[in-house]
Amino acid sequence: MLLNKSISITYFINLIKWDLAAIAAYAIVAGSLDHYGMLKNFSIPLAISALIGTMLSLLLAFRTSQSYERWWEARVIWGAIVNDSRTLIRQVRLFMPQQEASAIVATFAHRQIIWCYVLSESLRGTPSSEKVKAHLSMYMTESTNWPNFLMNKHAEVLADATAQFNLDPNRQVQIDATLARLCDSMGKCERIKKTVFPKSYSLLIHFLIYVLMTILPFGLEDRLKWMEIVIVFLVPMLFIAIEQTAIIMQDPFENKPTDTPMTTICQTIETNLLEIIGEPAPVFVKNEDSYYIM
């Protein structure tokens, strides 16, 4: 999970505060007019509100399901990256000559660590960290896709090592298959990042929520004014909250608290790979004041 313990209620309310303010204002105004104003005798059958509510429920169920599927797919992909990164370095370490190729194994491991960090930063669109900058400065070139560039470096070094150490073709194929899986995971992440959830779908749901809010007070009984105001506020608010939950899950690479915890995963990969090649793992400092872990 990305979250350390639980998501901040303040963070979630901040996302829907303007909708909540609009709904609350309308509930008070409509509730007052429905009891004491010019709309006292105006009514709309509650069945119409129920019909719109049913339509909203179906649309939101589909929206939430699709959003969670995107979020879960992203987490599954990064789980595969963890496994394939460990497999890659283990294969390189065991399949190549122990003494002659020790420097190549270490270079492979460090490049794979940087690849993970570069991929996470490119997906989030954040500036490169100092660790990444220091490694990329070794290459006297510029690239529009650094993760792909580093993956190509893996392939080039593997080809050179195969020729230098006369590597068994079957072993080369196994390492190349692992590189192919990593490249496949990279492509899947890029697909999720670049595939935008249809905006028209969100607009339709939002429109129906406000339609429901508009007609709801005129279908309720007029006995208790404050109860009517509470219901008119509570029902659209619940729909807004469900919609917002789907929205914050649909893009798992946007540097938000609900994102896939790529930085934490990269740190796990770094620790594991350095352990495989016999180097000490760095100590990562956690921010105890934060309610989430990126």
C-alpha atoms as a PDB file:
ATOM      1  CA  MET A   1       0.000   0.000   0.000  1.00  0.00           C
ATOM      2  CA  LEU A   2       1.030   3.567  -0.588  1.00  0.00           C
ATOM      3  CA  LEU A   3      -0.540   4.829   2.601  1.00  0.00           C
ATOM      4  CA  ASN A   4       1.381   4.613   5.846  1.00  0.00           C
ATOM      5  CA  LYS A   5      -1.687   4.293   8.081  1.00  0.00           C
ATOM      6  CA  SER A   6      -4.689   6.078   6.665  1.00  0.00           C
ATOM      7  CA  ILE A   7      -5.383   8.901   4.265  1.00  0.00           C
ATOM      8  CA  SER A   8      -5.831  12.333   5.788  1.00  0.00           C
ATOM      9  CA  ILE A   9      -9.478  13.392   6.041  1.00  0.00           C
ATOM     10  CA  THR A  10      -8.341  16.971   5.492  1.00  0.00           C
ATOM     11  CA  TYR A  11      -6.700  15.999   2.197  1.00  0.00           C
ATOM     12  CA  PHE A  12      -9.884  14.341   0.948  1.00  0.00           C
ATOM     13  CA  ILE A  13     -12.196  17.172   2.048  1.00  0.00           C
ATOM     14  CA  ASN A  14      -9.858  19.656   0.358  1.00  0.00           C
ATOM     15  CA  LEU A  15     -10.510  17.933  -2.962  1.00  0.00           C
ATOM     16  CA  ILE A  16     -14.291  18.377  -2.772  1.00  0.00           C
ATOM     17  CA  LYS A  17     -14.618  21.517  -0.633  1.00  0.00           C
ATOM     18  CA  TRP A  18     -16.086  23.687  -3.404  1.00  0.00           C
ATOM     19  CA  ASP A  19     -18.662  21.040  -4.307  1.00  0.00           C
ATOM     20  CA  LEU A  20     -19.565  20.681  -0.639  1.00  0.00           C
ATOM     21  CA  ALA A  21     -19.934  24.452  -0.303  1.00  0.00           C
ATOM     22  CA  ALA A  22     -22.203  24.640  -3.385  1.00  0.00           C
ATOM     23  CA  ILE A  23     -24.325  21.713  -2.218  1.00  0.00           C
ATOM     24  CA  ALA A  24     -24.661  23.128   1.317  1.00  0.00           C
ATOM     25  CA  ALA A  25     -25.665  26.575   0.020  1.00  0.00           C
ATOM     26  CA  TYR A  26     -28.247  25.099  -2.331  1.00  0.00           C
ATOM     27  CA  ALA A  27     -29.641  22.782   0.357  1.00  0.00           C
ATOM     28  CA  ILE A  28     -30.223  25.727   2.716  1.00  0.00           C
ATOM     29  CA  VAL A  29     -31.738  27.985   0.038  1.00  0.00           C
ATOM     30  CA  ALA A  30     -33.912  25.293  -1.571  1.00  0.00           C
ATOM     31  CA  GLY A  31     -35.016  23.949   1.793  1.00  0.00           C
ATOM     32  CA  SER A  32     -36.067  27.426   2.941  1.00  0.00           C
ATOM     33  CA  LEU A  33     -37.919  28.245  -0.282  1.00  0.00           C
ATOM     34  CA  ASP A  34     -39.637  24.865  -0.260  1.00  0.00           C
ATOM     35  CA  HIS A  35     -41.049  25.566   3.201  1.00  0.00           C
ATOM     36  CA  TYR A  36     -41.646  29.315   3.338  1.00  0.00           C
ATOM     37  CA  GLY A  37     -41.034  30.802  -0.102  1.00  0.00           C
ATOM     38  CA  MET A  38     -42.594  30.915  -3.534  1.00  0.00           C
ATOM     39  CA  LEU A  39     -41.819  27.232  -4.155  1.00  0.00           C
ATOM     40  CA  LYS A  40     -43.818  26.002  -1.173  1.00  0.00           C
ATOM     41  CA  ASN A  41     -46.479  24.386  -3.340  1.00  0.00           C
ATOM     42  CA  PHE A  42     -44.102  23.198  -6.076  1.00  0.00           C
ATOM     43  CA  SER A  43     -43.324  19.467  -6.092  1.00  0.00           C
ATOM     44  CA  ILE A  44     -41.570  16.913  -8.269  1.00  0.00           C
ATOM     45  CA  PRO A  45     -42.374  13.196  -7.879  1.00  0.00           C
ATOM     46  CA  LEU A  46     -39.742  11.456  -5.770  1.00  0.00           C
ATOM     47  CA  ALA A  47     -39.689   8.642  -8.353  1.00  0.00           C
ATOM     48  CA  ILE A  48     -37.826  10.966 -10.738  1.00  0.00           C
ATOM     49  CA  SER A  49     -35.114  11.577  -8.152  1.00  0.00           C
ATOM     50  CA  ALA A  50     -34.969   7.824  -7.524  1.00  0.00           C
ATOM     51  CA  LEU A  51     -34.558   7.171 -11.264  1.00  0.00           C
ATOM     52  CA  ILE A  52     -31.678   9.662 -11.552  1.00  0.00           C
ATOM     53  CA  GLY A  53     -30.118   8.242  -8.398  1.00  0.00           C
ATOM     54  CA  THR A  54     -30.243   4.747  -9.901  1.00  0.00           C
ATOM     55  CA  MET A  55     -28.606   5.969 -13.099  1.00  0.00           C
ATOM     56  CA  LEU A  56     -25.897   7.668 -11.053  1.00  0.00           C
ATOM     57  CA  SER A  57     -25.281   4.524  -9.042  1.00  0.00           C
ATOM     58  CA  LEU A  58     -24.732   2.461 -12.186  1.00  0.00           C
ATOM     59  CA  LEU A  59     -22.405   5.041 -13.748  1.00  0.00           C
ATOM     60  CA  LEU A  60     -20.411   5.459 -10.540  1.00  0.00           C
ATOM     61  CA  ALA A  61     -20.126   1.699 -10.061  1.00  0.00           C
ATOM     62  CA  PHE A  62     -18.566   1.392 -13.533  1.00  0.00           C
ATOM     63  CA  ARG A  63     -16.348   4.441 -12.975  1.00  0.00           C
ATOM     64  CA  THR A  64     -15.063   3.211  -9.624  1.00  0.00           C
ATOM     65  CA  SER A  65     -14.447  -0.278 -10.995  1.00  0.00           C
ATOM     66  CA  GLN A  66     -12.426   1.022 -13.942  1.00  0.00           C
ATOM     67  CA  SER A  67     -10.431   3.424 -11.774  1.00  0.00           C
ATOM     68  CA  TYR A  68      -9.540   0.715  -9.275  1.00  0.00           C
ATOM     69  CA  GLU A  69      -8.554  -1.581 -12.136  1.00  0.00           C
ATOM     70  CA  ARG A  70      -6.078   1.045 -13.412  1.00  0.00           C
ATOM     71  CA  TRP A  71      -4.689   1.598  -9.906  1.00  0.00           C
ATOM     72  CA  TRP A  72      -4.347  -2.127  -9.229  1.00  0.00           C
ATOM     73  CA  GLU A  73      -2.773  -2.799 -12.627  1.00  0.00           C
ATOM     74  CA  ALA A  74      -0.124  -0.169 -11.865  1.00  0.00           C
ATOM     75  CA  ARG A  75       0.653  -1.857  -8.555  1.00  0.00           C
ATOM     76  CA  VAL A  76       0.855  -5.286 -10.208  1.00  0.00           C
ATOM     77  CA  ILE A  77       3.242  -3.914 -12.845  1.00  0.00           C
ATOM     78  CA  TRP A  78       5.574  -2.502 -10.211  1.00  0.00           C
ATOM     79  CA  GLY A  79       5.425  -5.774  -8.318  1.00  0.00           C
ATOM     80  CA  ALA A  80       6.615  -7.469 -11.515  1.00  0.00           C
ATOM     81  CA  ILE A  81       9.419  -4.891 -11.823  1.00  0.00           C
ATOM     82  CA  VAL A  82      10.607  -5.823  -8.327  1.00  0.00           C
ATOM     83  CA  ASN A  83      10.687  -9.528  -9.170  1.00  0.00           C
ATOM     84  CA  ASP A  84      12.281  -9.099 -12.599  1.00  0.00           C
ATOM     85  CA  SER A  85      14.947  -6.738 -11.232  1.00  0.00           C
ATOM     86  CA  ARG A  86      15.993  -9.336  -8.666  1.00  0.00           C
ATOM     87  CA  THR A  87      15.902 -12.065 -11.315  1.00  0.00           C
ATOM     88  CA  LEU A  88      18.003 -10.015 -13.755  1.00  0.00           C
ATOM     89  CA  ILE A  89      20.861  -9.381 -11.337  1.00  0.00           C
ATOM     90  CA  ARG A  90      20.787 -12.932 -10.009  1.00  0.00           C
ATOM     91  CA  GLN A  91      21.017 -14.256 -13.571  1.00  0.00           C
ATOM     92  CA  VAL A  92      23.845 -11.893 -14.515  1.00  0.00           C
ATOM     93  CA  ARG A  93      25.721 -12.781 -11.330  1.00  0.00           C
ATOM     94  CA  LEU A  94      25.349 -16.553 -11.700  1.00  0.00           C
ATOM     95  CA  PHE A  95      25.598 -16.930 -15.474  1.00  0.00           C
ATOM     96  CA  MET A  96      28.812 -14.952 -15.973  1.00  0.00           C
ATOM     97  CA  PRO A  97      32.325 -15.865 -14.778  1.00  0.00           C
ATOM     98  CA  GLN A  98      32.588 -15.034 -11.104  1.00  0.00           C
ATOM     99  CA  GLN A  99      35.982 -13.287 -11.131  1.00  0.00           C
ATOM    100  CA  GLU A 100      36.274 -11.735 -14.586  1.00  0.00           C
ATOM    101  CA  ALA A 101      32.741 -10.357 -14.749  1.00  0.00           C
ATOM    102  CA  SER A 102      32.373  -8.987 -11.202  1.00  0.00           C
ATOM    103  CA  ALA A 103      32.647  -5.379 -12.423  1.00  0.00           C
ATOM    104  CA  ILE A 104      30.020  -6.019 -15.106  1.00  0.00           C
ATOM    105  CA  VAL A 105      27.640  -7.510 -12.529  1.00  0.00           C
ATOM    106  CA  ALA A 106      28.049  -4.481 -10.249  1.00  0.00           C
ATOM    107  CA  THR A 107      27.507  -2.100 -13.169  1.00  0.00           C
ATOM    108  CA  PHE A 108      24.395  -4.028 -14.191  1.00  0.00           C
ATOM    109  CA  ALA A 109      22.993  -3.797 -10.660  1.00  0.00           C
ATOM    110  CA  HIS A 110      23.609  -0.056 -10.285  1.00  0.00           C
ATOM    111  CA  ARG A 111      22.197   0.652 -13.745  1.00  0.00           C
ATOM    112  CA  GLN A 112      19.073  -1.363 -12.924  1.00  0.00           C
ATOM    113  CA  ILE A 113      18.626   0.580  -9.681  1.00  0.00           C
ATOM    114  CA  ILE A 114      18.866   3.872 -11.553  1.00  0.00           C
ATOM    115  CA  TRP A 115      16.496   2.539 -14.218  1.00  0.00           C
ATOM    116  CA  CYS A 116      13.833   2.008 -11.564  1.00  0.00           C
ATOM    117  CA  TYR A 117      14.279   5.516 -10.154  1.00  0.00           C
ATOM    118  CA  VAL A 118      14.340   7.088 -13.638  1.00  0.00           C
ATOM    119  CA  LEU A 119      11.150   5.248 -14.619  1.00  0.00           C
ATOM    120  CA  SER A 120       9.324   6.408 -11.488  1.00  0.00           C
ATOM    121  CA  GLU A 121      10.437  10.022 -11.965  1.00  0.00           C
ATOM    122  CA  SER A 122       9.529  10.056 -15.661  1.00  0.00           C
ATOM    123  CA  LEU A 123       6.057   8.673 -14.884  1.00  0.00           C
ATOM    124  CA  ARG A 124       5.470  11.307 -12.223  1.00  0.00           C
ATOM    125  CA  GLY A 125       7.013  14.069 -14.270  1.00  0.00           C
ATOM    126  CA  THR A 126       9.224  15.185 -11.377  1.00  0.00           C
ATOM    127  CA  PRO A 127      12.792  16.543 -11.639  1.00  0.00           C
ATOM    128  CA  SER A 128      15.592  13.975 -11.483  1.00  0.00           C
ATOM    129  CA  SER A 129      17.037  13.259  -8.063  1.00  0.00           C
ATOM    130  CA  GLU A 130      20.732  13.873  -7.370  1.00  0.00           C
ATOM    131  CA  LYS A 131      21.424  10.135  -7.470  1.00  0.00           C
ATOM    132  CA  VAL A 132      19.868   9.858 -10.913  1.00  0.00           C
ATOM    133  CA  LYS A 133      21.595  12.995 -12.221  1.00  0.00           C
ATOM    134  CA  ALA A 134      24.986  11.696 -11.107  1.00  0.00           C
ATOM    135  CA  HIS A 135      24.503   8.421 -12.966  1.00  0.00           C
ATOM    136  CA  LEU A 136      23.065   9.914 -16.156  1.00  0.00           C
ATOM    137  CA  SER A 137      25.933  12.405 -16.348  1.00  0.00           C
ATOM    138  CA  MET A 138      28.182   9.426 -17.213  1.00  0.00           C
ATOM    139  CA  TYR A 139      26.546   9.224 -20.630  1.00  0.00           C
ATOM    140  CA  MET A 140      27.685  11.931 -23.020  1.00  0.00           C
ATOM    141  CA  THR A 141      24.298  12.198 -24.674  1.00  0.00           C
ATOM    142  CA  GLU A 142      20.730  13.340 -24.170  1.00  0.00           C
ATOM    143  CA  SER A 143      17.654  11.176 -24.389  1.00  0.00           C
ATOM    144  CA  THR A 144      13.925  11.827 -24.559  1.00  0.00           C
ATOM    145  CA  ASN A 145      13.291   8.477 -22.863  1.00  0.00           C
ATOM    146  CA  TRP A 146      15.958   7.674 -20.280  1.00  0.00           C
ATOM    147  CA  PRO A 147      14.372   4.408 -19.069  1.00  0.00           C
ATOM    148  CA  ASN A 148      14.471   3.079 -22.619  1.00  0.00           C
ATOM    149  CA  PHE A 149      18.037   4.369 -23.044  1.00  0.00           C
ATOM    150  CA  LEU A 150      19.221   2.500 -19.944  1.00  0.00           C
ATOM    151  CA  MET A 151      17.432  -0.655 -21.046  1.00  0.00           C
ATOM    152  CA  ASN A 152      19.318  -0.448 -24.353  1.00  0.00           C
ATOM    153  CA  LYS A 153      22.570  -0.111 -22.374  1.00  0.00           C
ATOM    154  CA  HIS A 154      21.675  -3.329 -20.560  1.00  0.00           C
ATOM    155  CA  ALA A 155      21.267  -5.070 -23.912  1.00  0.00           C
ATOM    156  CA  GLU A 156      24.530  -3.663 -25.301  1.00  0.00           C
ATOM    157  CA  VAL A 157      26.542  -4.734 -22.255  1.00  0.00           C
ATOM    158  CA  LEU A 158      24.940  -8.172 -22.371  1.00  0.00           C
ATOM    159  CA  ALA A 159      25.904  -8.555 -26.038  1.00  0.00           C
ATOM    160  CA  ASP A 160      29.512  -7.479 -25.330  1.00  0.00           C
ATOM    161  CA  ALA A 161      29.769  -9.808 -22.328  1.00  0.00           C
ATOM    162  CA  THR A 162      28.394 -12.708 -24.355  1.00  0.00           C
ATOM    163  CA  ALA A 163      31.129 -12.226 -26.939  1.00  0.00           C
ATOM    164  CA  GLN A 164      33.859 -11.568 -24.339  1.00  0.00           C
ATOM    165  CA  PHE A 165      33.126 -14.525 -22.038  1.00  0.00           C
ATOM    166  CA  ASN A 166      31.600 -16.853 -24.621  1.00  0.00           C
ATOM    167  CA  LEU A 167      28.379 -16.961 -22.642  1.00  0.00           C
ATOM    168  CA  ASP A 168      26.141 -19.983 -23.119  1.00  0.00           C
ATOM    169  CA  PRO A 169      23.401 -19.035 -25.662  1.00  0.00           C
ATOM    170  CA  ASN A 170      20.682 -20.510 -23.445  1.00  0.00           C
ATOM    171  CA  ARG A 171      21.775 -18.338 -20.552  1.00  0.00           C
ATOM    172  CA  GLN A 172      21.887 -15.283 -22.790  1.00  0.00           C
ATOM    173  CA  VAL A 173      18.323 -16.010 -23.892  1.00  0.00           C
ATOM    174  CA  GLN A 174      17.182 -16.222 -20.263  1.00  0.00           C
ATOM    175  CA  ILE A 175      18.727 -12.854 -19.396  1.00  0.00           C
ATOM    176  CA  ASP A 176      17.304 -11.317 -22.566  1.00  0.00           C
ATOM    177  CA  ALA A 177      13.851 -12.659 -21.655  1.00  0.00           C
ATOM    178  CA  THR A 178      14.086 -10.897 -18.290  1.00  0.00           C
ATOM    179  CA  LEU A 179      15.052  -7.651 -20.030  1.00  0.00           C
ATOM    180  CA  ALA A 180      12.064  -8.104 -22.339  1.00  0.00           C
ATOM    181  CA  ARG A 181       9.726  -8.430 -19.323  1.00  0.00           C
ATOM    182  CA  LEU A 182      11.159  -5.267 -17.798  1.00  0.00           C
ATOM    183  CA  CYS A 183      10.687  -3.448 -21.102  1.00  0.00           C
ATOM    184  CA  ASP A 184       7.124  -4.768 -21.246  1.00  0.00           C
ATOM    185  CA  SER A 185       6.439  -3.429 -17.735  1.00  0.00           C
ATOM    186  CA  MET A 186       7.820  -0.047 -18.764  1.00  0.00           C
ATOM    187  CA  GLY A 187       5.482   0.034 -21.765  1.00  0.00           C
ATOM    188  CA  LYS A 188       2.483  -0.872 -19.608  1.00  0.00           C
ATOM    189  CA  CYS A 189       3.267   1.983 -17.220  1.00  0.00           C
ATOM    190  CA  GLU A 190       3.533   4.401 -20.134  1.00  0.00           C
ATOM    191  CA  ARG A 191       0.205   3.150 -21.487  1.00  0.00           C
ATOM    192  CA  ILE A 192      -1.556   3.819 -18.185  1.00  0.00           C
ATOM    193  CA  LYS A 193       0.119   7.224 -17.888  1.00  0.00           C
ATOM    194  CA  LYS A 194      -0.838   8.357 -21.393  1.00  0.00           C
ATOM    195  CA  THR A 195      -4.356   6.895 -21.532  1.00  0.00           C
ATOM    196  CA  VAL A 196      -6.683   9.565 -20.186  1.00  0.00           C
ATOM    197  CA  PHE A 197     -10.012   8.565 -18.660  1.00  0.00           C
ATOM    198  CA  PRO A 198     -12.770  10.036 -20.910  1.00  0.00           C
ATOM    199  CA  LYS A 199     -13.614  13.535 -19.692  1.00  0.00           C
ATOM    200  CA  SER A 200     -17.157  13.304 -21.040  1.00  0.00           C
ATOM    201  CA  TYR A 201     -17.871  10.479 -18.617  1.00  0.00           C
ATOM    202  CA  SER A 202     -16.862  12.640 -15.642  1.00  0.00           C
ATOM    203  CA  LEU A 203     -18.899  15.574 -16.918  1.00  0.00           C
ATOM    204  CA  LEU A 204     -21.987  13.386 -17.299  1.00  0.00           C
ATOM    205  CA  ILE A 205     -21.697  12.049 -13.749  1.00  0.00           C
ATOM    206  CA  HIS A 206     -21.112  15.517 -12.313  1.00  0.00           C
ATOM    207  CA  PHE A 207     -24.060  16.908 -14.274  1.00  0.00           C
ATOM    208  CA  LEU A 208     -26.402  14.172 -13.033  1.00  0.00           C
ATOM    209  CA  ILE A 209     -25.297  14.728  -9.433  1.00  0.00           C
ATOM    210  CA  TYR A 210     -26.271  18.401  -9.679  1.00  0.00           C
ATOM    211  CA  VAL A 211     -29.537  17.537 -11.436  1.00  0.00           C
ATOM    212  CA  LEU A 212     -30.364  15.177  -8.569  1.00  0.00           C
ATOM    213  CA  MET A 213     -29.440  17.861  -6.048  1.00  0.00           C
ATOM    214  CA  THR A 214     -31.658  20.395  -7.838  1.00  0.00           C
ATOM    215  CA  ILE A 215     -34.886  18.352  -7.902  1.00  0.00           C
ATOM    216  CA  LEU A 216     -34.444  16.337  -4.687  1.00  0.00           C
ATOM    217  CA  PRO A 217     -35.868  18.899  -2.196  1.00  0.00           C
ATOM    218  CA  PHE A 218     -39.109  19.218  -4.165  1.00  0.00           C
ATOM    219  CA  GLY A 219     -39.883  15.523  -3.862  1.00  0.00           C
ATOM    220  CA  LEU A 220     -39.382  15.227  -0.094  1.00  0.00           C
ATOM    221  CA  GLU A 221     -42.063  15.694   2.542  1.00  0.00           C
ATOM    222  CA  ASP A 222     -42.290  19.194   3.992  1.00  0.00           C
ATOM    223  CA  ARG A 223     -42.737  18.274   7.657  1.00  0.00           C
ATOM    224  CA  LEU A 224     -39.217  18.873   8.962  1.00  0.00           C
ATOM    225  CA  LYS A 225     -37.280  21.704   7.331  1.00  0.00           C
ATOM    226  CA  TRP A 226     -33.892  20.864   8.818  1.00  0.00           C
ATOM    227  CA  MET A 227     -34.224  17.178   8.035  1.00  0.00           C
ATOM    228  CA  GLU A 228     -34.919  18.070   4.401  1.00  0.00           C
ATOM    229  CA  ILE A 229     -31.833  20.292   4.284  1.00  0.00           C
ATOM    230  CA  VAL A 230     -29.687  17.515   5.753  1.00  0.00           C
ATOM    231  CA  ILE A 231     -30.970  14.961   3.220  1.00  0.00           C
ATOM    232  CA  VAL A 232     -30.518  17.349   0.279  1.00  0.00           C
ATOM    233  CA  PHE A 233     -26.931  17.925   1.432  1.00  0.00           C
ATOM    234  CA  LEU A 234     -26.086  14.344   2.397  1.00  0.00           C
ATOM    235  CA  VAL A 235     -27.246  12.453  -0.719  1.00  0.00           C
ATOM    236  CA  PRO A 236     -25.338  14.518  -3.374  1.00  0.00           C
ATOM    237  CA  MET A 237     -22.337  14.713  -1.020  1.00  0.00           C
ATOM    238  CA  LEU A 238     -22.101  10.910  -0.916  1.00  0.00           C
ATOM    239  CA  PHE A 239     -22.210  10.730  -4.718  1.00  0.00           C
ATOM    240  CA  ILE A 240     -19.531  13.451  -4.962  1.00  0.00           C
ATOM    241  CA  ALA A 241     -17.328  11.565  -2.484  1.00  0.00           C
ATOM    242  CA  ILE A 242     -17.654   8.318  -4.462  1.00  0.00           C
ATOM    243  CA  GLU A 243     -16.845  10.116  -7.706  1.00  0.00           C
ATOM    244  CA  GLN A 244     -13.796  11.795  -6.172  1.00  0.00           C
ATOM    245  CA  THR A 245     -12.577   8.445  -4.843  1.00  0.00           C
ATOM    246  CA  ALA A 246     -12.662   7.115  -8.405  1.00  0.00           C
ATOM    247  CA  ILE A 247     -10.892  10.227  -9.729  1.00  0.00           C
ATOM    248  CA  ILE A 248      -7.950  10.017  -7.325  1.00  0.00           C
ATOM    249  CA  MET A 249      -7.435   6.313  -8.152  1.00  0.00           C
ATOM    250  CA  GLN A 250      -7.660   6.545 -11.932  1.00  0.00           C
ATOM    251  CA  ASP A 251      -4.208   8.132 -12.408  1.00  0.00           C
ATOM    252  CA  PRO A 252      -1.694   6.167 -10.292  1.00  0.00           C
ATOM    253  CA  PHE A 253       1.395   8.070 -11.499  1.00  0.00           C
ATOM    254  CA  GLU A 254       0.518  11.693 -10.688  1.00  0.00           C
ATOM    255  CA  ASN A 255       2.624  12.219  -7.528  1.00  0.00           C
ATOM    256  CA  LYS A 256      -0.372  12.140  -5.170  1.00  0.00           C
ATOM    257  CA  PRO A 257      -0.810  10.390  -1.799  1.00  0.00           C
ATOM    258  CA  THR A 258      -2.905   7.696  -3.488  1.00  0.00           C
ATOM    259  CA  ASP A 259      -0.269   6.922  -6.128  1.00  0.00           C
ATOM    260  CA  THR A 260       1.580   3.666  -6.545  1.00  0.00           C
ATOM    261  CA  PRO A 261       4.427   3.909  -3.962  1.00  0.00           C
ATOM    262  CA  MET A 262       7.154   3.866  -6.594  1.00  0.00           C
ATOM    263  CA  THR A 263       9.836   5.568  -4.492  1.00  0.00           C
ATOM    264  CA  THR A 264       9.411   3.052  -1.687  1.00  0.00           C
ATOM    265  CA  ILE A 265       9.438   0.194  -4.202  1.00  0.00           C
ATOM    266  CA  CYS A 266      12.624   1.573  -5.809  1.00  0.00           C
ATOM    267  CA  GLN A 267      14.270   1.697  -2.384  1.00  0.00           C
ATOM    268  CA  THR A 268      13.304  -1.934  -1.810  1.00  0.00           C
ATOM    269  CA  ILE A 269      14.780  -2.886  -5.189  1.00  0.00           C
ATOM    270  CA  GLU A 270      17.990  -0.965  -4.422  1.00  0.00           C
ATOM    271  CA  THR A 271      18.395  -2.722  -1.074  1.00  0.00           C
ATOM    272  CA  ASN A 272      17.781  -6.153  -2.604  1.00  0.00           C
ATOM    273  CA  LEU A 273      20.095  -5.697  -5.587  1.00  0.00           C
ATOM    274  CA  LEU A 274      22.968  -4.336  -3.524  1.00  0.00           C
ATOM    275  CA  GLU A 275      22.588  -7.299  -1.194  1.00  0.00           C
ATOM    276  CA  ILE A 276      22.802  -9.692  -4.163  1.00  0.00           C
ATOM    277  CA  ILE A 277      26.123  -8.207  -5.314  1.00  0.00           C
ATOM    278  CA  GLY A 278      27.462  -7.975  -1.761  1.00  0.00           C
ATOM    279  CA  GLU A 279      27.426  -4.198  -1.303  1.00  0.00           C
ATOM    280  CA  PRO A 280      26.025  -2.405   1.777  1.00  0.00           C
ATOM    281  CA  ALA A 281      22.523  -1.049   1.375  1.00  0.00           C
ATOM    282  CA  PRO A 282      21.888   2.655   2.056  1.00  0.00           C
ATOM    283  CA  VAL A 283      19.793   3.790   5.019  1.00  0.00           C
ATOM    284  CA  PHE A 284      16.613   5.533   3.926  1.00  0.00           C
ATOM    285  CA  VAL A 285      15.141   8.180   6.205  1.00  0.00           C
ATOM    286  CA  LYS A 286      11.366   8.126   6.505  1.00  0.00           C
ATOM    287  CA  ASN A 287       9.347  11.251   7.112  1.00  0.00           C
ATOM    288  CA  GLU A 288       7.418  10.409  10.284  1.00  0.00           C
ATOM    289  CA  ASP A 289       5.362  13.605  10.008  1.00  0.00           C
ATOM    290  CA  SER A 290       3.773  12.523   6.746  1.00  0.00           C
ATOM    291  CA  TYR A 291       0.631  10.424   6.691  1.00  0.00           C
ATOM    292  CA  TYR A 292       1.677   8.660   3.494  1.00  0.00           C
ATOM    293  CA  ILE A 293       4.759   7.092   1.937  1.00  0.00           C
ATOM    294  CA  MET A 294       5.499   7.808  -1.723  1.00  0.00           C
END
